Amino acid sequence: MPPRTNSPRPRGRVAAAALVAALALSACSANAGPDQTGLEYDAGPFSSTTFDSCISPGNREYHGPGDETYLYPAGQRTFEFSGSETAEIGASTVVSQDDLELTVTGLVTFSLNIDCEQLQEFHERLGLKYGAYEDTGWVELLRDYIGQPLNRALDDATKEYAWRDLYTSADAKAEWEQKVGDLTAAYIDEQGGGEFFCSPVYTGGDECGTPQLTIQQPTPPEEVRTALTLAQEAVEMTTAQEQENERVEKELEAIEALVEVLGPDGYILYQALKDGKVDFVPIPYGGGVNVSPRGGN
């Protein structure tokens, strides 16, 4: 029986299998966390860079060697403007209708639009320019595309109100806050050229909504607040004095009425008895009167 020999495999099949194995080993994946969304672009060594697909929050996508993926924050996010060290920008300074500077702090709460078409437009128009898929670039982009429209909205709305109304009237403050919110949403869309920032509860779909704005009470300079406090104290002191004057006047009217009825001496005796400065002594009918001072003048 002739010895068994292994027949050689065709070189083409071996080369193909080796290429498939190499590609499999070199394949990559992009894992979007539950609070992330992303995009994948075909950018292999033998192809042009073209958009491929979006990566939904919490999903893992595999892609070929050389392809590019970009991850962005998804879900509720905040943009703070205040004096805090962790705030994206500082407190906003605006001018009231009566030309007084006011300091405003607050928070914008929003979600990135994760609709795939909108997300691709956001990435290619703004994200790449700022490197917004990195933390530093993300904050820089928000400062320009949320911070600047916000400051503009605060300026425009505040010019319609007197500072005292905004500082002391809850109704005026609520009306002003609504106006700032409406202007901010409009200016954000105008600045970005698209509906990229949505309501904080947005999870996808056509209804994007608008960012939510929370603003603290506008604050005038310290010297104005001090003067306002002093003025209020003076008003309260005046009111207290007026009330005391009214009490004294009524008391005098009562005394005059008693004097008119009892006579001057009778009123003095009445007051002494009321104050407990004399004692009552039983007097038999027809007897004399005996008044004993209890003390004092």
Protein backbone atom coordinates (compact mmCIF):
# COMPACT_ATOMS: atom_id res chain seq x y z
CA MET A 1 0.00 0.00 0.00
CA PRO A 2 1.60 3.32 -1.01
CA PRO A 3 2.36 5.69 1.84
CA ARG A 4 -0.25 8.41 2.57
CA THR A 5 0.83 11.93 1.67
CA ASN A 6 -0.84 15.24 2.60
CA SER A 7 -1.93 17.08 -0.49
CA PRO A 8 -0.83 20.75 -0.41
CA ARG A 9 -3.54 23.37 0.04
CA PRO A 10 -3.93 25.91 -2.70
CA ARG A 11 -1.88 28.98 -1.93
CA GLY A 12 -4.78 31.28 -2.76
CA ARG A 13 -6.96 29.78 -0.03
CA VAL A 14 -4.18 30.01 2.51
CA ALA A 15 -3.54 33.64 1.69
CA ALA A 16 -7.25 34.48 1.89
CA ALA A 17 -7.60 32.70 5.22
CA ALA A 18 -4.58 34.53 6.55
CA LEU A 19 -5.99 37.88 5.40
CA VAL A 20 -9.36 37.17 7.05
CA ALA A 21 -7.61 36.17 10.26
CA ALA A 22 -5.46 39.30 10.16
CA LEU A 23 -8.49 41.52 9.59
CA ALA A 24 -10.37 39.79 12.39
CA LEU A 25 -7.48 40.34 14.76
CA SER A 26 -7.14 43.95 13.70
CA ALA A 27 -10.88 44.75 13.91
CA CYS A 28 -11.82 47.32 16.54
CA SER A 29 -14.92 48.15 18.52
CA ALA A 30 -16.48 51.30 19.92
CA ASN A 31 -18.41 50.88 23.14
CA ALA A 32 -20.84 53.70 23.94
CA GLY A 33 -21.75 53.90 27.60
CA PRO A 34 -25.36 54.42 28.69
CA ASP A 35 -24.66 58.18 28.83
CA GLN A 36 -22.86 58.35 25.48
CA THR A 37 -23.74 58.39 21.80
CA GLY A 38 -21.43 58.18 18.81
CA LEU A 39 -20.73 58.06 15.10
CA GLU A 40 -18.67 55.72 12.95
CA TYR A 41 -16.91 56.68 9.72
CA ASP A 42 -15.43 54.32 7.16
CA ALA A 43 -11.83 55.41 6.78
CA GLY A 44 -9.90 52.27 5.89
CA PRO A 45 -6.55 52.27 4.07
CA PHE A 46 -8.26 51.63 0.74
CA SER A 47 -11.33 53.88 1.05
CA SER A 48 -12.34 57.51 1.41
CA THR A 49 -13.66 58.74 4.74
CA THR A 50 -17.45 58.44 4.63
CA PHE A 51 -20.15 58.35 7.27
CA ASP A 52 -21.27 54.84 8.16
CA SER A 53 -23.63 54.79 11.14
CA CYS A 54 -24.57 56.18 14.54
CA ILE A 55 -23.88 54.34 17.79
CA SER A 56 -26.79 54.34 20.22
CA PRO A 57 -26.27 54.78 23.97
CA GLY A 58 -25.16 51.55 25.63
CA ASN A 59 -24.28 49.81 22.34
CA ARG A 60 -21.01 48.33 21.07
CA GLU A 61 -20.16 48.62 17.38
CA TYR A 62 -17.38 46.77 15.57
CA HIS A 63 -15.55 48.42 12.70
CA GLY A 64 -12.65 47.78 10.42
CA PRO A 65 -9.04 48.87 10.81
CA GLY A 66 -8.53 52.54 10.13
CA ASP A 67 -12.21 53.41 10.61
CA GLU A 68 -12.95 56.34 12.91
CA THR A 69 -15.40 56.58 15.80
CA TYR A 70 -16.43 59.59 17.87
CA LEU A 71 -18.31 59.50 21.18
CA TYR A 72 -20.33 62.38 22.64
CA PRO A 73 -22.20 62.91 25.94
CA ALA A 74 -25.82 61.77 25.82
CA GLY A 75 -28.65 62.21 28.28
CA GLN A 76 -29.15 65.09 30.67
CA ARG A 77 -26.30 67.57 30.89
CA THR A 78 -25.83 70.95 32.60
CA PHE A 79 -24.17 74.26 31.77
CA GLU A 80 -23.55 76.38 34.87
CA PHE A 81 -22.91 80.12 34.95
CA SER A 82 -21.89 81.26 38.42
CA GLY A 83 -18.93 82.07 40.63
CA SER A 84 -18.26 78.38 41.28
CA GLU A 85 -14.87 76.99 40.30
CA THR A 86 -16.59 74.10 38.51
CA ALA A 87 -18.90 76.35 36.46
CA GLU A 88 -18.48 76.41 32.70
CA ILE A 89 -18.53 80.23 32.71
CA GLY A 90 -18.71 82.96 35.35
CA ALA A 91 -21.78 84.84 36.51
CA SER A 92 -23.45 87.04 33.90
CA THR A 93 -23.53 90.84 34.31
CA VAL A 94 -26.52 92.62 32.73
CA VAL A 95 -27.97 96.15 32.75
CA SER A 96 -31.54 96.92 33.78
CA GLN A 97 -33.97 99.31 32.13
CA ASP A 98 -32.91 102.01 34.59
CA ASP A 99 -29.19 101.47 33.93
CA LEU A 100 -28.13 99.47 36.98
CA GLU A 101 -25.77 96.52 36.67
CA LEU A 102 -27.14 93.23 37.99
CA THR A 103 -25.36 89.93 38.54
CA VAL A 104 -27.15 86.78 37.40
CA THR A 105 -26.26 83.13 38.08
CA GLY A 106 -28.03 79.94 37.11
CA LEU A 107 -28.05 76.66 35.21
CA VAL A 108 -28.99 75.47 31.72
CA THR A 109 -30.08 71.83 31.63
CA PHE A 110 -30.19 70.11 28.24
CA SER A 111 -29.60 66.96 26.19
CA LEU A 112 -27.65 66.59 22.96
CA ASN A 113 -29.88 65.75 19.99
CA ILE A 114 -29.15 62.06 19.33
CA ASP A 115 -31.26 61.81 16.19
CA CYS A 116 -28.71 60.28 13.81
CA GLU A 117 -29.07 62.88 11.06
CA GLN A 118 -28.87 65.76 13.52
CA LEU A 119 -25.96 64.17 15.37
CA GLN A 120 -24.00 63.75 12.13
CA GLU A 121 -24.65 67.39 11.21
CA PHE A 122 -23.60 68.51 14.71
CA HIS A 123 -20.38 66.49 14.51
CA GLU A 124 -19.37 67.62 11.04
CA ARG A 125 -20.35 71.28 11.53
CA LEU A 126 -19.21 71.86 15.12
CA GLY A 127 -17.84 68.78 16.83
CA LEU A 128 -14.81 68.30 14.59
CA LYS A 129 -13.95 71.99 14.74
CA TYR A 130 -13.80 72.01 18.56
CA GLY A 131 -12.75 68.41 19.14
CA ALA A 132 -15.94 68.22 21.18
CA TYR A 133 -15.68 64.42 21.52
CA GLU A 134 -12.99 65.24 24.14
CA ASP A 135 -13.83 66.85 27.50
CA THR A 136 -11.93 70.09 26.89
CA GLY A 137 -13.39 70.58 23.42
CA TRP A 138 -16.89 69.81 24.67
CA VAL A 139 -16.74 72.56 27.31
CA GLU A 140 -15.24 75.03 24.83
CA LEU A 141 -18.06 74.34 22.38
CA LEU A 142 -20.72 74.79 25.08
CA ARG A 143 -19.23 78.15 26.07
CA ASP A 144 -19.66 79.41 22.51
CA TYR A 145 -22.95 77.76 21.55
CA ILE A 146 -24.82 77.91 24.87
CA GLY A 147 -22.94 80.52 26.91
CA GLN A 148 -22.95 83.29 24.30
CA PRO A 149 -26.64 82.90 23.33
CA LEU A 150 -27.50 82.80 27.04
CA ASN A 151 -25.68 86.07 27.79
CA ARG A 152 -27.32 87.69 24.79
CA ALA A 153 -30.78 86.57 25.97
CA LEU A 154 -30.11 87.86 29.50
CA ASP A 155 -29.02 91.24 28.12
CA ASP A 156 -32.04 91.61 25.85
CA ALA A 157 -34.63 90.56 28.43
CA THR A 158 -33.22 92.53 31.37
CA LYS A 159 -33.34 95.82 29.47
CA GLU A 160 -37.13 95.64 29.66
CA TYR A 161 -37.32 95.68 33.48
CA ALA A 162 -36.42 98.06 36.31
CA TRP A 163 -33.88 96.59 38.70
CA ARG A 164 -36.07 97.02 41.77
CA ASP A 165 -38.87 94.99 40.15
CA LEU A 166 -36.52 92.12 39.32
CA TYR A 167 -35.00 92.20 42.81
CA THR A 168 -38.17 92.53 44.89
CA SER A 169 -41.12 91.29 42.80
CA ALA A 170 -41.67 87.55 42.42
CA ASP A 171 -44.10 88.11 39.54
CA ALA A 172 -41.69 90.32 37.60
CA LYS A 173 -38.87 87.85 38.18
CA ALA A 174 -40.97 84.91 36.93
CA GLU A 175 -42.04 86.81 33.80
CA TRP A 176 -38.44 87.86 33.12
CA GLU A 177 -37.16 84.29 33.60
CA GLN A 178 -39.70 82.94 31.09
CA LYS A 179 -38.64 85.58 28.56
CA VAL A 180 -34.94 84.76 29.07
CA GLY A 181 -35.67 81.06 28.56
CA ASP A 182 -37.56 81.62 25.31
CA LEU A 183 -34.85 83.91 23.93
CA THR A 184 -32.06 81.55 24.99
CA ALA A 185 -33.62 78.60 23.15
CA ALA A 186 -34.08 80.69 20.00
CA TYR A 187 -30.58 82.15 20.13
CA ILE A 188 -28.98 78.71 20.72
CA ASP A 189 -30.61 77.32 17.56
CA GLU A 190 -29.64 80.47 15.66
CA GLN A 191 -26.02 80.28 16.83
CA GLY A 192 -25.59 76.59 16.00
CA GLY A 193 -27.53 76.64 12.77
CA GLY A 194 -29.52 73.58 13.83
CA GLU A 195 -31.57 71.95 16.54
CA PHE A 196 -28.62 70.39 18.36
CA PHE A 197 -29.52 71.00 22.01
CA CYS A 198 -32.83 69.65 23.33
CA SER A 199 -34.83 69.45 26.54
CA PRO A 200 -33.18 67.54 29.42
CA VAL A 201 -35.70 64.67 29.14
CA TYR A 202 -35.14 64.14 25.40
CA THR A 203 -34.31 60.51 24.50
CA GLY A 204 -34.67 60.59 20.73
CA GLY A 205 -37.34 61.13 18.09
CA ASP A 206 -38.76 64.18 16.39
CA GLU A 207 -39.82 66.15 19.49
CA CYS A 208 -36.55 67.69 20.63
CA GLY A 209 -37.93 70.33 22.98
CA THR A 210 -35.86 73.20 24.37
CA PRO A 211 -33.20 73.44 27.09
CA GLN A 212 -34.42 74.24 30.59
CA LEU A 213 -33.18 77.41 32.27
CA THR A 214 -33.02 78.00 36.03
CA ILE A 215 -32.00 81.50 37.12
CA GLN A 216 -31.37 82.87 40.58
CA GLN A 217 -32.68 86.28 41.61
CA PRO A 218 -30.77 89.09 39.84
CA THR A 219 -28.53 90.80 42.39
CA PRO A 220 -27.66 94.53 42.42
CA PRO A 221 -24.26 95.77 43.71
CA GLU A 222 -23.59 95.47 47.43
CA GLU A 223 -23.84 99.21 48.09
CA VAL A 224 -27.29 99.30 46.51
CA ARG A 225 -28.42 96.31 48.58
CA THR A 226 -27.13 98.07 51.73
CA ALA A 227 -28.94 101.29 50.87
CA LEU A 228 -32.12 99.35 50.15
CA THR A 229 -31.87 97.63 53.54
CA LEU A 230 -31.37 100.94 55.35
CA ALA A 231 -34.30 102.48 53.52
CA GLN A 232 -36.49 99.56 54.49
CA GLU A 233 -35.40 99.88 58.12
CA ALA A 234 -36.26 103.59 58.04
CA VAL A 235 -39.71 102.78 56.65
CA GLU A 236 -40.27 100.25 59.43
CA MET A 237 -39.11 102.75 62.10
CA THR A 238 -41.40 105.42 60.69
CA THR A 239 -44.31 103.00 60.68
CA ALA A 240 -43.56 102.04 64.30
CA GLN A 241 -43.40 105.70 65.34
CA GLU A 242 -46.67 106.46 63.58
CA GLN A 243 -48.31 103.59 65.42
CA GLU A 244 -46.92 104.87 68.76
CA ASN A 245 -48.13 108.40 68.02
CA GLU A 246 -51.57 107.04 67.24
CA ARG A 247 -51.61 105.12 70.53
CA VAL A 248 -50.61 108.22 72.54
CA GLU A 249 -53.21 110.34 70.76
CA LYS A 250 -55.96 107.88 71.59
CA GLU A 251 -54.79 107.74 75.21
CA LEU A 252 -54.93 111.54 75.46
CA GLU A 253 -58.42 111.56 74.03
CA ALA A 254 -59.47 109.06 76.72
CA ILE A 255 -57.91 111.21 79.48
CA GLU A 256 -59.67 114.33 78.22
CA ALA A 257 -62.96 112.48 78.31
CA LEU A 258 -62.35 111.35 81.92
CA VAL A 259 -61.33 114.86 83.06
CA GLU A 260 -64.46 116.25 81.48
CA VAL A 261 -66.57 113.77 83.45
CA LEU A 262 -64.65 113.59 86.78
CA GLY A 263 -62.98 116.97 86.85
CA PRO A 264 -59.23 117.44 87.30
CA ASP A 265 -59.17 116.34 90.97
CA GLY A 266 -61.46 113.43 90.31
CA TYR A 267 -59.27 112.21 87.47
CA ILE A 268 -56.16 112.41 89.70
CA LEU A 269 -57.89 110.33 92.36
CA TYR A 270 -59.14 107.91 89.69
CA GLN A 271 -55.63 107.46 88.33
CA ALA A 272 -54.18 106.98 91.84
CA LEU A 273 -56.74 104.31 92.57
CA LYS A 274 -56.08 102.64 89.19
CA ASP A 275 -52.32 102.61 89.84
CA GLY A 276 -52.83 101.17 93.32
CA LYS A 277 -51.31 104.16 95.09
CA VAL A 278 -54.20 104.54 97.56
CA ASP A 279 -56.33 102.11 99.55
CA PHE A 280 -60.10 101.95 99.84
CA VAL A 281 -61.26 102.39 103.47
CA PRO A 282 -64.84 101.50 104.40
CA ILE A 283 -66.57 104.69 105.67
CA PRO A 284 -69.76 104.53 107.69
CA TYR A 285 -72.56 106.62 106.38
CA GLY A 286 -71.98 110.17 107.50
CA GLY A 287 -68.39 109.50 108.58
CA GLY A 288 -65.19 111.20 107.44
CA VAL A 289 -62.96 110.14 104.54
CA ASN A 290 -59.50 108.86 105.26
CA VAL A 291 -57.03 108.46 102.31
CA SER A 292 -53.66 106.86 103.10
CA PRO A 293 -50.91 107.18 100.47
CA ARG A 294 -49.24 103.81 99.72
CA GLY A 295 -45.96 105.30 98.63
CA GLY A 296 -44.44 107.42 95.96
CA ASN A 297 -45.10 111.02 95.18
